[in-house]
Amino acid sequence: MQTEYTILITLGALLILSPLLESLMERIGVPALVGYMLLGFIISLLDHQWSFVTIAFDNTFASLAQLGVVALLFRVGLKSHPRALLAKLPVASFIWTGDAMTNLIFTFLVSRYLLSLPLETSIVVATAFSATSVAVSVAVWDEMHKLNTSRG
């Protein structure tokens, strides 16, 4: 029962803090995504102090995060113009491949050699970070209203 209350209280606090944080980030000219990552970092620091993140808590927020990425990409897909995307496909494929591979290699090296994770775990972490890097890039471009430009 205590776990459910912790999850609900934290979720409620985040729902209240998120729009405030987004407004603050907009005022200082920083993408809201940076603020959200800082908020996650603060929650991690608070968890190290008070140990309130349980398996149920972690699973709940992992599910919410996956839903958020799906909703973000769905929203971007609704705004997309297929003909314009096809025209940019040759150049965009080259850039996307370089971006994805850079993220994959960098994350693998950090998780394998800096964090000393096993090979299999490092591969999974690198793959996950590489896939989500696209959603992060899209969110930043969308927030800057540059997604519908020729470069976007």
N, C-alpha and C. Protein backbone atom coordinates (compact mmCIF):
# COMPACT_ATOMS: atom_id res chain seq x y z
N MET A 1 0.83 -1.19 0.00
CA MET A 1 0.00 0.00 0.00
C MET A 1 0.87 1.25 0.00
N GLN A 2 1.96 1.21 0.74
CA GLN A 2 2.86 2.36 0.82
C GLN A 2 3.46 2.68 -0.55
N THR A 3 3.74 1.63 -1.35
CA THR A 3 4.32 1.82 -2.67
C THR A 3 3.38 2.60 -3.58
N GLU A 4 2.09 2.26 -3.55
CA GLU A 4 1.12 2.95 -4.40
C GLU A 4 1.03 4.42 -4.03
N TYR A 5 1.07 4.73 -2.75
CA TYR A 5 1.02 6.13 -2.33
C TYR A 5 2.26 6.89 -2.81
N THR A 6 3.41 6.28 -2.72
CA THR A 6 4.65 6.92 -3.17
C THR A 6 4.59 7.20 -4.67
N ILE A 7 4.11 6.23 -5.43
CA ILE A 7 4.00 6.40 -6.88
C ILE A 7 3.01 7.52 -7.19
N LEU A 8 1.86 7.51 -6.56
CA LEU A 8 0.84 8.53 -6.83
C LEU A 8 1.29 9.93 -6.42
N ILE A 9 1.94 10.04 -5.29
CA ILE A 9 2.42 11.34 -4.82
C ILE A 9 3.49 11.87 -5.76
N THR A 10 4.41 11.02 -6.14
CA THR A 10 5.49 11.44 -7.05
C THR A 10 4.92 11.80 -8.42
N LEU A 11 4.02 10.99 -8.93
CA LEU A 11 3.40 11.28 -10.23
C LEU A 11 2.64 12.60 -10.17
N GLY A 12 1.89 12.82 -9.10
CA GLY A 12 1.16 14.09 -8.93
C GLY A 12 2.11 15.28 -8.87
N ALA A 13 3.19 15.13 -8.13
CA ALA A 13 4.17 16.22 -8.03
C ALA A 13 4.80 16.52 -9.39
N LEU A 14 5.10 15.47 -10.14
CA LEU A 14 5.69 15.66 -11.47
C LEU A 14 4.70 16.29 -12.44
N LEU A 15 3.44 15.93 -12.33
CA LEU A 15 2.42 16.54 -13.18
C LEU A 15 2.26 18.04 -12.88
N ILE A 16 2.47 18.42 -11.65
CA ILE A 16 2.41 19.83 -11.27
C ILE A 16 3.69 20.56 -11.67
N LEU A 17 4.83 19.91 -11.46
CA LEU A 17 6.12 20.55 -11.75
C LEU A 17 6.42 20.66 -13.25
N SER A 18 5.94 19.73 -14.05
CA SER A 18 6.29 19.70 -15.47
C SER A 18 5.92 20.98 -16.22
N PRO A 19 4.68 21.48 -16.13
CA PRO A 19 4.37 22.72 -16.85
C PRO A 19 5.15 23.93 -16.31
N LEU A 20 5.40 23.94 -15.00
CA LEU A 20 6.18 25.02 -14.42
C LEU A 20 7.62 24.98 -14.93
N LEU A 21 8.16 23.78 -14.99
CA LEU A 21 9.52 23.60 -15.50
C LEU A 21 9.61 23.96 -16.98
N GLU A 22 8.61 23.57 -17.75
CA GLU A 22 8.58 23.89 -19.18
C GLU A 22 8.55 25.41 -19.38
N SER A 23 7.75 26.09 -18.59
CA SER A 23 7.67 27.55 -18.69
C SER A 23 9.00 28.20 -18.32
N LEU A 24 9.64 27.70 -17.28
CA LEU A 24 10.94 28.23 -16.86
C LEU A 24 11.99 28.02 -17.94
N MET A 25 12.02 26.82 -18.51
CA MET A 25 13.00 26.52 -19.56
C MET A 25 12.76 27.40 -20.79
N GLU A 26 11.50 27.66 -21.11
CA GLU A 26 11.18 28.51 -22.25
C GLU A 26 11.66 29.94 -22.01
N ARG A 27 11.51 30.40 -20.79
CA ARG A 27 11.96 31.77 -20.46
C ARG A 27 13.46 31.94 -20.57
N ILE A 28 14.21 30.90 -20.22
CA ILE A 28 15.67 31.04 -20.29
C ILE A 28 16.23 30.55 -21.63
N GLY A 29 15.33 30.12 -22.53
CA GLY A 29 15.75 29.74 -23.88
C GLY A 29 16.38 28.37 -24.00
N VAL A 30 16.00 27.46 -23.12
CA VAL A 30 16.55 26.10 -23.14
C VAL A 30 15.39 25.15 -23.47
N PRO A 31 15.63 24.12 -24.30
CA PRO A 31 14.55 23.16 -24.58
C PRO A 31 14.02 22.52 -23.30
N ALA A 32 12.71 22.33 -23.24
CA ALA A 32 12.08 21.76 -22.06
C ALA A 32 12.64 20.38 -21.74
N LEU A 33 13.07 19.66 -22.76
CA LEU A 33 13.62 18.33 -22.57
C LEU A 33 14.81 18.34 -21.62
N VAL A 34 15.61 19.39 -21.69
CA VAL A 34 16.76 19.53 -20.79
C VAL A 34 16.27 19.65 -19.35
N GLY A 35 15.22 20.42 -19.16
CA GLY A 35 14.64 20.56 -17.82
C GLY A 35 14.09 19.26 -17.30
N TYR A 36 13.44 18.50 -18.18
CA TYR A 36 12.90 17.21 -17.76
C TYR A 36 14.01 16.24 -17.37
N MET A 37 15.11 16.29 -18.11
CA MET A 37 16.24 15.42 -17.76
C MET A 37 16.83 15.85 -16.42
N LEU A 38 16.91 17.15 -16.18
CA LEU A 38 17.39 17.63 -14.88
C LEU A 38 16.45 17.19 -13.75
N LEU A 39 15.16 17.24 -14.01
CA LEU A 39 14.19 16.78 -13.01
C LEU A 39 14.39 15.30 -12.70
N GLY A 40 14.63 14.49 -13.71
CA GLY A 40 14.92 13.08 -13.49
C GLY A 40 16.20 12.88 -12.69
N PHE A 41 17.20 13.70 -12.98
CA PHE A 41 18.46 13.63 -12.23
C PHE A 41 18.22 13.99 -10.76
N ILE A 42 17.40 14.99 -10.51
CA ILE A 42 17.09 15.39 -9.13
C ILE A 42 16.36 14.27 -8.40
N ILE A 43 15.41 13.62 -9.10
CA ILE A 43 14.70 12.50 -8.49
C ILE A 43 15.68 11.38 -8.15
N SER A 44 16.64 11.15 -9.03
CA SER A 44 17.66 10.13 -8.76
C SER A 44 18.48 10.48 -7.53
N LEU A 45 18.86 11.75 -7.40
CA LEU A 45 19.60 12.18 -6.21
C LEU A 45 18.76 12.03 -4.94
N LEU A 46 17.49 12.39 -5.03
CA LEU A 46 16.61 12.24 -3.87
C LEU A 46 16.42 10.77 -3.50
N ASP A 47 16.38 9.90 -4.51
CA ASP A 47 16.26 8.48 -4.25
C ASP A 47 17.49 7.94 -3.52
N HIS A 48 18.67 8.44 -3.87
CA HIS A 48 19.88 8.00 -3.17
C HIS A 48 19.84 8.43 -1.71
N GLN A 49 19.18 9.54 -1.44
CA GLN A 49 19.07 10.03 -0.06
C GLN A 49 18.01 9.26 0.74
N TRP A 50 16.82 9.02 0.12
CA TRP A 50 15.69 8.46 0.87
C TRP A 50 15.22 7.10 0.37
N SER A 51 15.77 6.56 -0.69
CA SER A 51 15.42 5.24 -1.24
C SER A 51 13.91 5.01 -1.36
N PHE A 52 13.27 5.79 -2.19
CA PHE A 52 11.83 5.63 -2.38
C PHE A 52 11.47 4.97 -3.71
N VAL A 53 12.45 4.77 -4.59
CA VAL A 53 12.18 4.13 -5.88
C VAL A 53 12.20 2.62 -5.68
N THR A 54 11.03 2.01 -5.87
CA THR A 54 10.89 0.56 -5.77
C THR A 54 10.78 -0.02 -7.18
N ILE A 55 10.68 -1.33 -7.26
CA ILE A 55 10.52 -1.97 -8.57
C ILE A 55 9.20 -1.54 -9.21
N ALA A 56 8.13 -1.47 -8.41
CA ALA A 56 6.83 -1.03 -8.95
C ALA A 56 6.91 0.42 -9.43
N PHE A 57 7.60 1.26 -8.67
CA PHE A 57 7.79 2.66 -9.03
C PHE A 57 8.55 2.75 -10.35
N ASP A 58 9.63 2.02 -10.46
CA ASP A 58 10.46 2.03 -11.66
C ASP A 58 9.68 1.50 -12.87
N ASN A 59 8.93 0.43 -12.69
CA ASN A 59 8.13 -0.13 -13.78
C ASN A 59 7.05 0.84 -14.25
N THR A 60 6.42 1.53 -13.30
CA THR A 60 5.38 2.50 -13.65
C THR A 60 5.96 3.61 -14.51
N PHE A 61 7.08 4.17 -14.10
CA PHE A 61 7.67 5.27 -14.85
C PHE A 61 8.31 4.81 -16.15
N ALA A 62 8.77 3.57 -16.20
CA ALA A 62 9.28 3.03 -17.46
C ALA A 62 8.14 2.90 -18.48
N SER A 63 6.99 2.43 -18.02
CA SER A 63 5.82 2.32 -18.91
C SER A 63 5.37 3.70 -19.38
N LEU A 64 5.32 4.66 -18.46
CA LEU A 64 4.93 6.02 -18.84
C LEU A 64 5.93 6.64 -19.82
N ALA A 65 7.19 6.35 -19.63
CA ALA A 65 8.22 6.88 -20.54
C ALA A 65 8.04 6.29 -21.94
N GLN A 66 7.77 5.00 -22.03
CA GLN A 66 7.55 4.38 -23.34
C GLN A 66 6.32 4.96 -24.02
N LEU A 67 5.26 5.17 -23.25
CA LEU A 67 4.06 5.78 -23.82
C LEU A 67 4.34 7.20 -24.30
N GLY A 68 5.18 7.92 -23.56
CA GLY A 68 5.53 9.29 -23.94
C GLY A 68 6.30 9.33 -25.25
N VAL A 69 7.23 8.42 -25.43
CA VAL A 69 8.00 8.38 -26.68
C VAL A 69 7.08 8.02 -27.84
N VAL A 70 6.19 7.06 -27.64
CA VAL A 70 5.25 6.68 -28.69
C VAL A 70 4.35 7.87 -29.04
N ALA A 71 3.82 8.56 -28.04
CA ALA A 71 2.95 9.72 -28.28
C ALA A 71 3.70 10.83 -29.00
N LEU A 72 4.95 11.07 -28.61
CA LEU A 72 5.76 12.10 -29.26
C LEU A 72 5.97 11.79 -30.73
N LEU A 73 6.39 10.57 -31.02
CA LEU A 73 6.65 10.20 -32.41
C LEU A 73 5.36 10.15 -33.22
N PHE A 74 4.26 9.76 -32.60
CA PHE A 74 2.96 9.76 -33.29
C PHE A 74 2.57 11.20 -33.65
N ARG A 75 2.77 12.11 -32.70
CA ARG A 75 2.45 13.52 -32.94
C ARG A 75 3.30 14.09 -34.07
N VAL A 76 4.57 13.77 -34.07
CA VAL A 76 5.45 14.23 -35.14
C VAL A 76 5.01 13.63 -36.48
N GLY A 77 4.63 12.36 -36.46
CA GLY A 77 4.16 11.72 -37.69
C GLY A 77 2.91 12.40 -38.25
N LEU A 78 2.02 12.85 -37.36
CA LEU A 78 0.83 13.55 -37.81
C LEU A 78 1.16 14.88 -38.49
N LYS A 79 2.25 15.51 -38.06
CA LYS A 79 2.65 16.80 -38.62
C LYS A 79 3.52 16.66 -39.87
N SER A 80 3.93 15.44 -40.18
CA SER A 80 4.88 15.22 -41.27
C SER A 80 4.21 15.36 -42.63
N HIS A 81 5.02 15.71 -43.62
CA HIS A 81 4.58 15.82 -45.01
C HIS A 81 5.34 14.75 -45.80
N PRO A 82 4.66 13.66 -46.16
CA PRO A 82 5.35 12.52 -46.80
C PRO A 82 6.16 12.88 -48.05
N ARG A 83 5.63 13.74 -48.92
CA ARG A 83 6.37 14.10 -50.14
C ARG A 83 7.67 14.83 -49.80
N ALA A 84 7.60 15.74 -48.84
CA ALA A 84 8.81 16.47 -48.44
C ALA A 84 9.82 15.52 -47.80
N LEU A 85 9.33 14.56 -47.01
CA LEU A 85 10.23 13.59 -46.38
C LEU A 85 10.91 12.71 -47.42
N LEU A 86 10.16 12.27 -48.42
CA LEU A 86 10.76 11.43 -49.46
C LEU A 86 11.81 12.19 -50.27
N ALA A 87 11.59 13.49 -50.47
CA ALA A 87 12.57 14.29 -51.21
C ALA A 87 13.88 14.41 -50.44
N LYS A 88 13.79 14.42 -49.12
CA LYS A 88 14.98 14.57 -48.28
C LYS A 88 15.59 13.24 -47.85
N LEU A 89 14.98 12.14 -48.23
CA LEU A 89 15.41 10.83 -47.76
C LEU A 89 16.88 10.50 -48.04
N PRO A 90 17.41 10.75 -49.23
CA PRO A 90 18.83 10.38 -49.45
C PRO A 90 19.79 11.09 -48.49
N VAL A 91 19.63 12.38 -48.32
CA VAL A 91 20.52 13.13 -47.41
C VAL A 91 20.22 12.78 -45.96
N ALA A 92 18.92 12.71 -45.62
CA ALA A 92 18.53 12.43 -44.25
C ALA A 92 18.98 11.04 -43.79
N SER A 93 18.96 10.06 -44.69
CA SER A 93 19.41 8.71 -44.34
C SER A 93 20.87 8.70 -43.94
N PHE A 94 21.67 9.43 -44.68
CA PHE A 94 23.10 9.52 -44.38
C PHE A 94 23.32 10.17 -43.01
N ILE A 95 22.62 11.28 -42.76
CA ILE A 95 22.76 11.99 -41.48
C ILE A 95 22.23 11.13 -40.34
N TRP A 96 21.06 10.49 -40.53
CA TRP A 96 20.48 9.67 -39.48
C TRP A 96 21.39 8.49 -39.14
N THR A 97 21.96 7.85 -40.15
CA THR A 97 22.85 6.72 -39.91
C THR A 97 24.06 7.16 -39.10
N GLY A 98 24.63 8.29 -39.45
CA GLY A 98 25.77 8.80 -38.69
C GLY A 98 25.40 9.14 -37.26
N ASP A 99 24.22 9.76 -37.08
CA ASP A 99 23.75 10.12 -35.74
C ASP A 99 23.51 8.87 -34.90
N ALA A 100 22.80 7.91 -35.46
CA ALA A 100 22.48 6.69 -34.72
C ALA A 100 23.74 5.90 -34.37
N MET A 101 24.66 5.80 -35.33
CA MET A 101 25.90 5.05 -35.07
C MET A 101 26.79 5.75 -34.05
N THR A 102 26.84 7.08 -34.11
CA THR A 102 27.63 7.82 -33.13
C THR A 102 27.08 7.59 -31.73
N ASN A 103 25.75 7.69 -31.58
CA ASN A 103 25.14 7.44 -30.27
C ASN A 103 25.36 6.00 -29.82
N LEU A 104 25.23 5.07 -30.74
CA LEU A 104 25.41 3.66 -30.41
C LEU A 104 26.83 3.39 -29.91
N ILE A 105 27.82 3.86 -30.66
CA ILE A 105 29.22 3.61 -30.30
C ILE A 105 29.59 4.33 -29.01
N PHE A 106 29.20 5.60 -28.88
CA PHE A 106 29.53 6.36 -27.68
C PHE A 106 28.93 5.72 -26.43
N THR A 107 27.64 5.36 -26.51
CA THR A 107 26.98 4.75 -25.35
C THR A 107 27.58 3.40 -25.02
N PHE A 108 27.92 2.62 -26.04
CA PHE A 108 28.55 1.32 -25.80
C PHE A 108 29.87 1.51 -25.07
N LEU A 109 30.70 2.43 -25.54
CA LEU A 109 32.01 2.66 -24.91
C LEU A 109 31.87 3.12 -23.46
N VAL A 110 30.92 4.03 -23.21
CA VAL A 110 30.72 4.52 -21.85
C VAL A 110 30.24 3.39 -20.95
N SER A 111 29.22 2.64 -21.40
CA SER A 111 28.67 1.59 -20.54
C SER A 111 29.66 0.44 -20.34
N ARG A 112 30.42 0.12 -21.37
CA ARG A 112 31.35 -1.01 -21.28
C ARG A 112 32.62 -0.67 -20.50
N TYR A 113 33.24 0.48 -20.81
CA TYR A 113 34.55 0.78 -20.24
C TYR A 113 34.52 1.77 -19.09
N LEU A 114 33.59 2.70 -19.09
CA LEU A 114 33.51 3.66 -17.99
C LEU A 114 32.70 3.09 -16.83
N LEU A 115 31.57 2.45 -17.16
CA LEU A 115 30.71 1.87 -16.13
C LEU A 115 31.01 0.39 -15.86
N SER A 116 31.87 -0.20 -16.66
CA SER A 116 32.30 -1.61 -16.51
C SER A 116 31.13 -2.59 -16.52
N LEU A 117 30.17 -2.36 -17.40
CA LEU A 117 29.04 -3.28 -17.52
C LEU A 117 29.44 -4.45 -18.41
N PRO A 118 28.77 -5.59 -18.26
CA PRO A 118 29.09 -6.74 -19.12
C PRO A 118 28.79 -6.40 -20.59
N LEU A 119 29.39 -7.17 -21.49
CA LEU A 119 29.26 -6.94 -22.93
C LEU A 119 27.79 -6.92 -23.37
N GLU A 120 27.01 -7.93 -22.96
CA GLU A 120 25.61 -8.02 -23.38
C GLU A 120 24.82 -6.82 -22.89
N THR A 121 25.03 -6.43 -21.65
CA THR A 121 24.32 -5.28 -21.08
C THR A 121 24.70 -4.01 -21.81
N SER A 122 25.97 -3.85 -22.12
CA SER A 122 26.44 -2.67 -22.85
C SER A 122 25.80 -2.58 -24.23
N ILE A 123 25.64 -3.70 -24.89
CA ILE A 123 24.99 -3.71 -26.21
C ILE A 123 23.53 -3.30 -26.10
N VAL A 124 22.83 -3.83 -25.10
CA VAL A 124 21.42 -3.49 -24.90
C VAL A 124 21.27 -2.00 -24.56
N VAL A 125 22.10 -1.50 -23.66
CA VAL A 125 22.05 -0.09 -23.28
C VAL A 125 22.34 0.79 -24.48
N ALA A 126 23.35 0.46 -25.26
CA ALA A 126 23.70 1.25 -26.44
C ALA A 126 22.57 1.26 -27.46
N THR A 127 21.94 0.12 -27.67
CA THR A 127 20.83 0.04 -28.61
C THR A 127 19.64 0.88 -28.14
N ALA A 128 19.34 0.80 -26.85
CA ALA A 128 18.23 1.59 -26.30
C ALA A 128 18.50 3.09 -26.42
N PHE A 129 19.70 3.51 -26.09
CA PHE A 129 20.03 4.93 -26.18
C PHE A 129 20.03 5.40 -27.62
N SER A 130 20.50 4.58 -28.53
CA SER A 130 20.53 4.95 -29.94
C SER A 130 19.12 5.14 -30.47
N ALA A 131 18.21 4.25 -30.10
CA ALA A 131 16.83 4.35 -30.57
C ALA A 131 16.13 5.57 -29.99
N THR A 132 16.33 5.84 -28.71
CA THR A 132 15.65 6.98 -28.09
C THR A 132 16.29 8.31 -28.46
N SER A 133 17.51 8.29 -28.98
CA SER A 133 18.13 9.55 -29.37
C SER A 133 17.36 10.22 -30.50
N VAL A 134 16.72 9.42 -31.34
CA VAL A 134 15.91 9.97 -32.42
C VAL A 134 14.73 10.74 -31.84
N ALA A 135 14.06 10.16 -30.84
CA ALA A 135 12.92 10.84 -30.22
C ALA A 135 13.35 12.14 -29.54
N VAL A 136 14.50 12.13 -28.92
CA VAL A 136 15.01 13.34 -28.26
C VAL A 136 15.29 14.42 -29.29
N SER A 137 15.95 14.06 -30.37
CA SER A 137 16.25 15.02 -31.43
C SER A 137 14.97 15.60 -32.02
N VAL A 138 13.99 14.74 -32.28
CA VAL A 138 12.72 15.19 -32.84
C VAL A 138 12.02 16.14 -31.88
N ALA A 139 12.04 15.83 -30.59
CA ALA A 139 11.39 16.69 -29.61
C ALA A 139 12.02 18.08 -29.57
N VAL A 140 13.33 18.14 -29.62
CA VAL A 140 14.02 19.44 -29.58
C VAL A 140 13.72 20.22 -30.85
N TRP A 141 13.79 19.59 -32.01
CA TRP A 141 13.50 20.28 -33.27
C TRP A 141 12.06 20.77 -33.29
N ASP A 142 11.14 19.94 -32.78
CA ASP A 142 9.72 20.32 -32.75
C ASP A 142 9.51 21.52 -31.83
N GLU A 143 10.14 21.49 -30.68
CA GLU A 143 9.98 22.60 -29.72
C GLU A 143 10.54 23.91 -30.26
N MET A 144 11.58 23.81 -31.07
CA MET A 144 12.19 25.01 -31.66
C MET A 144 11.46 25.44 -32.93
N HIS A 145 10.35 24.74 -33.27
CA HIS A 145 9.55 25.04 -34.45
C HIS A 145 10.37 24.97 -35.74
N LYS A 146 11.29 24.02 -35.78
CA LYS A 146 12.14 23.85 -36.96
C LYS A 146 11.92 22.50 -37.63
N LEU A 147 10.94 21.76 -37.14
CA LEU A 147 10.70 20.43 -37.69
C LEU A 147 10.14 20.50 -39.11
N ASN A 148 9.37 21.51 -39.43
CA ASN A 148 8.77 21.63 -40.76
C ASN A 148 9.60 22.47 -41.71
N THR A 149 10.83 22.79 -41.33
CA THR A 149 11.72 23.50 -42.24
C THR A 149 12.42 22.47 -43.13
N SER A 150 13.15 22.95 -44.13
CA SER A 150 13.84 22.01 -45.02
C SER A 150 14.90 21.22 -44.27
N ARG A 151 15.58 21.85 -43.31
CA ARG A 151 16.58 21.14 -42.52
C ARG A 151 15.91 20.17 -41.55
N GLY A 152 14.76 20.55 -41.00
CA GLY A 152 14.02 19.70 -40.07
C GLY A 152 13.50 18.47 -40.77
